[in-house]
C-alpha atoms as a PDB file:
ATOM      1  CA  MET A   1     114.553 194.812   3.890  1.00  0.00           C
ATOM      2  CA  ILE A   2     116.049 193.800   0.553  1.00  0.00           C
ATOM      3  CA  ILE A   3     118.916 196.275   0.961  1.00  0.00           C
ATOM      4  CA  VAL A   4     119.700 194.963   4.452  1.00  0.00           C
ATOM      5  CA  SER A   5     119.732 191.347   3.249  1.00  0.00           C
ATOM      6  CA  ALA A   6     121.867 192.238   0.224  1.00  0.00           C
ATOM      7  CA  CYS A   7     124.462 193.790   2.527  1.00  0.00           C
ATOM      8  CA  GLY A   8     124.397 190.735   4.796  1.00  0.00           C
ATOM      9  CA  VAL A   9     124.818 188.329   1.895  1.00  0.00           C
ATOM     10  CA  SER A  10     128.000 190.064   0.798  1.00  0.00           C
ATOM     11  CA  ALA A  11     129.535 189.540   4.262  1.00  0.00           C
ATOM     12  CA  CYS A  12     128.841 185.786   4.357  1.00  0.00           C
ATOM     13  CA  PRO A  13     131.399 184.516   1.810  1.00  0.00           C
ATOM     14  CA  SER A  14     134.209 185.875   3.949  1.00  0.00           C
ATOM     15  CA  THR A  15     133.382 183.253   6.585  1.00  0.00           C
ATOM     16  CA  TYR A  16     133.098 180.013   4.662  1.00  0.00           C
ATOM     17  CA  GLN A  17     135.769 180.902   2.094  1.00  0.00           C
ATOM     18  CA  VAL A  18     138.390 181.578   4.765  1.00  0.00           C
ATOM     19  CA  THR A  19     137.573 178.587   6.995  1.00  0.00           C
ATOM     20  CA  PRO A  20     139.609 176.008   4.991  1.00  0.00           C
ATOM     21  CA  MET A  21     142.688 178.174   5.480  1.00  0.00           C
ATOM     22  CA  ASP A  22     141.994 178.350   9.203  1.00  0.00           C
ATOM     23  CA  ILE A  23     141.445 174.647   9.846  1.00  0.00           C
ATOM     24  CA  ALA A  24     144.128 173.201   7.518  1.00  0.00           C
ATOM     25  CA  PRO A  25     146.460 175.649   5.777  1.00  0.00           C
ATOM     26  CA  ASN A  26     148.410 172.840   4.064  1.00  0.00           C
ATOM     27  CA  TYR A  27     145.283 171.338   2.506  1.00  0.00           C
ATOM     28  CA  SER A  28     143.077 174.408   2.037  1.00  0.00           C
ATOM     29  CA  SER A  29     142.976 174.135  -1.762  1.00  0.00           C
ATOM     30  CA  THR A  30     141.841 170.498  -1.565  1.00  0.00           C
ATOM     31  CA  ILE A  31     139.144 171.336   0.977  1.00  0.00           C
ATOM     32  CA  THR A  32     137.950 174.271  -1.112  1.00  0.00           C
ATOM     33  CA  GLY A  33     137.756 172.029  -4.184  1.00  0.00           C
ATOM     34  CA  LEU A  34     135.737 169.430  -2.300  1.00  0.00           C
ATOM     35  CA  ALA A  35     133.423 172.148  -1.003  1.00  0.00           C
ATOM     36  CA  GLY A  36     132.353 172.750  -4.605  1.00  0.00           C
ATOM     37  CA  VAL A  37     130.398 169.497  -4.321  1.00  0.00           C
ATOM     38  CA  GLY A  38     128.142 171.315  -1.858  1.00  0.00           C
ATOM     39  CA  GLN A  39     126.890 173.618  -4.589  1.00  0.00           C
ATOM     40  CA  LEU A  40     123.999 171.233  -5.171  1.00  0.00           C
ATOM     41  CA  GLY A  41     121.651 173.905  -3.806  1.00  0.00           C
ATOM     42  CA  GLY A  42     122.262 176.039  -6.880  1.00  0.00           C
ATOM     43  CA  PHE A  43     120.999 173.166  -8.984  1.00  0.00           C
ATOM     44  CA  LEU A  44     117.998 172.306  -6.808  1.00  0.00           C
ATOM     45  CA  ALA A  45     116.801 175.840  -6.024  1.00  0.00           C
ATOM     46  CA  PRO A  46     115.149 176.542  -9.411  1.00  0.00           C
ATOM     47  CA  ILE A  47     113.375 173.177  -9.305  1.00  0.00           C
ATOM     48  CA  VAL A  48     112.010 173.748  -5.788  1.00  0.00           C
ATOM     49  CA  ASN A  49     111.114 177.357  -6.566  1.00  0.00           C
ATOM     50  CA  SER A  50     109.188 176.363  -9.685  1.00  0.00           C
ATOM     51  CA  HIS A  51     106.992 174.086  -7.547  1.00  0.00           C
ATOM     52  CA  LEU A  52     106.549 176.601  -4.746  1.00  0.00           C
ATOM     53  CA  ILE A  53     105.781 179.612  -6.921  1.00  0.00           C
ATOM     54  CA  ASN A  54     102.657 177.913  -8.318  1.00  0.00           C
ATOM     55  CA  LYS A  55     101.020 177.729  -4.875  1.00  0.00           C
ATOM     56  CA  ASP A  56      98.844 180.436  -3.366  1.00  0.00           C
ATOM     57  CA  ASN A  57     101.177 183.157  -2.043  1.00  0.00           C
ATOM     58  CA  GLY A  58     103.992 181.412  -3.914  1.00  0.00           C
ATOM     59  CA  LEU A  59     106.484 184.240  -3.528  1.00  0.00           C
ATOM     60  CA  VAL A  60     106.002 184.188   0.239  1.00  0.00           C
ATOM     61  CA  TRP A  61     106.760 180.446   0.207  1.00  0.00           C
ATOM     62  CA  VAL A  62     109.890 180.905  -1.901  1.00  0.00           C
ATOM     63  CA  VAL A  63     111.270 183.700   0.271  1.00  0.00           C
ATOM     64  CA  GLY A  64     110.304 181.865   3.481  1.00  0.00           C
ATOM     65  CA  VAL A  65     111.952 178.596   2.498  1.00  0.00           C
ATOM     66  CA  ALA A  66     115.089 180.354   1.237  1.00  0.00           C
ATOM     67  CA  GLY A  67     115.378 182.520   4.350  1.00  0.00           C
ATOM     68  CA  GLY A  68     114.693 179.586   6.682  1.00  0.00           C
ATOM     69  CA  LEU A  69     117.339 177.411   5.049  1.00  0.00           C
ATOM     70  CA  TYR A  70     119.806 180.288   5.038  1.00  0.00           C
ATOM     71  CA  CYS A  71     119.306 180.866   8.778  1.00  0.00           C
ATOM     72  CA  LEU A  72     119.435 177.143   9.588  1.00  0.00           C
ATOM     73  CA  VAL A  73     122.670 176.532   7.688  1.00  0.00           C
ATOM     74  CA  GLY A  74     124.207 179.682   9.172  1.00  0.00           C
ATOM     75  CA  LEU A  75     123.323 178.533  12.677  1.00  0.00           C
ATOM     76  CA  VAL A  76     124.814 175.077  12.064  1.00  0.00           C
ATOM     77  CA  TYR A  77     127.976 176.733  10.712  1.00  0.00           C
ATOM     78  CA  VAL A  78     128.320 179.003  13.740  1.00  0.00           C
ATOM     79  CA  LEU A  79     127.771 176.148  16.190  1.00  0.00           C
ATOM     80  CA  ALA A  80     129.792 173.438  14.442  1.00  0.00           C
ATOM     81  CA  VAL A  81     132.814 175.096  12.822  1.00  0.00           C
ATOM     82  CA  LYS A  82     135.771 175.992  14.999  1.00  0.00           C
ATOM     83  CA  ALA A  83     138.573 177.973  13.385  1.00  0.00           C
ATOM     84  CA  GLN A  84     141.522 176.087  14.825  1.00  0.00           C
ATOM     85  CA  VAL A  85     144.185 174.118  12.993  1.00  0.00           C
ATOM     86  CA  HIS A  86     143.406 170.400  13.045  1.00  0.00           C
ATOM     87  CA  GLY A  87     145.993 167.729  13.792  1.00  0.00           C
ATOM     88  CA  TRP A  88     145.726 166.112  10.361  1.00  0.00           C
ATOM     89  CA  ASN A  89     147.049 169.330   8.829  1.00  0.00           C
ATOM     90  CA  ASP A  90     150.607 168.466   9.912  1.00  0.00           C
ATOM     91  CA  TYR A  91     152.700 166.036   7.904  1.00  0.00           C
ATOM     92  CA  GLN A  92     156.282 164.845   7.927  1.00  0.00           C
ATOM     93  CA  GLN A  93     158.408 166.219   5.160  1.00  0.00           C
ATOM     94  CA  ILE A  94     160.340 163.630   3.161  1.00  0.00           C
ATOM     95  CA  PRO A  95     164.082 164.316   3.255  1.00  0.00           C
ATOM     96  CA  GLU A  96     165.553 165.334  -0.077  1.00  0.00           C
ATOM     97  CA  GLY A  97     166.766 162.411  -2.175  1.00  0.00           C
ATOM     98  CA  GLU A  98     164.596 159.796  -0.428  1.00  0.00           C
ATOM     99  CA  SER A  99     161.447 158.231  -1.808  1.00  0.00           C
ATOM    100  CA  TYR A 100     158.265 157.519   0.070  1.00  0.00           C
ATOM    101  CA  ASP A 101     156.878 154.234  -1.220  1.00  0.00           C
ATOM    102  CA  HIS A 102     154.335 152.251   0.746  1.00  0.00           C
ATOM    103  CA  HIS A 103     153.585 149.670  -1.899  1.00  0.00           C
ATOM    104  CA  PRO A 104     155.008 146.259  -0.783  1.00  0.00           C
ATOM    105  CA  LYS A 105     155.672 144.991  -4.336  1.00  0.00           C
ATOM    106  CA  GLN A 106     157.725 148.052  -5.203  1.00  0.00           C
ATOM    107  CA  GLN A 107     159.723 147.703  -1.992  1.00  0.00           C
ATOM    108  CA  GLN A 108     160.448 144.003  -2.729  1.00  0.00           C
ATOM    109  CA  GLN A 109     161.548 144.804  -6.273  1.00  0.00           C
ATOM    110  CA  GLN A 110     163.842 147.550  -5.038  1.00  0.00           C
ATOM    111  CA  GLN A 111     165.473 145.202  -2.534  1.00  0.00           C
ATOM    112  CA  GLN A 112     166.231 142.583  -5.235  1.00  0.00           C
END
């Protein structure tokens, strides 16, 4: 069972690591950087495990909670994530030599 799950775990990163490139190729590095915020589980797992392991059949609890969360998050990912390019991925390119200022004060100063 451990060998089967170890093989399955190695296949999982190929899904969530490629998704930012599928949904927004122009902003994939930004999305990937923001996804690092979701690594909170790596911080909380030892704390939760230390409380669960002290119960009767503690190892069963640890493996059960980890496996249940893994399956739940995987199911949400499969149902919620669609690998299609989103509309906000497209942007207008600024012609060479022009600036792109939205700040009203800067625009007023430039006009004077």
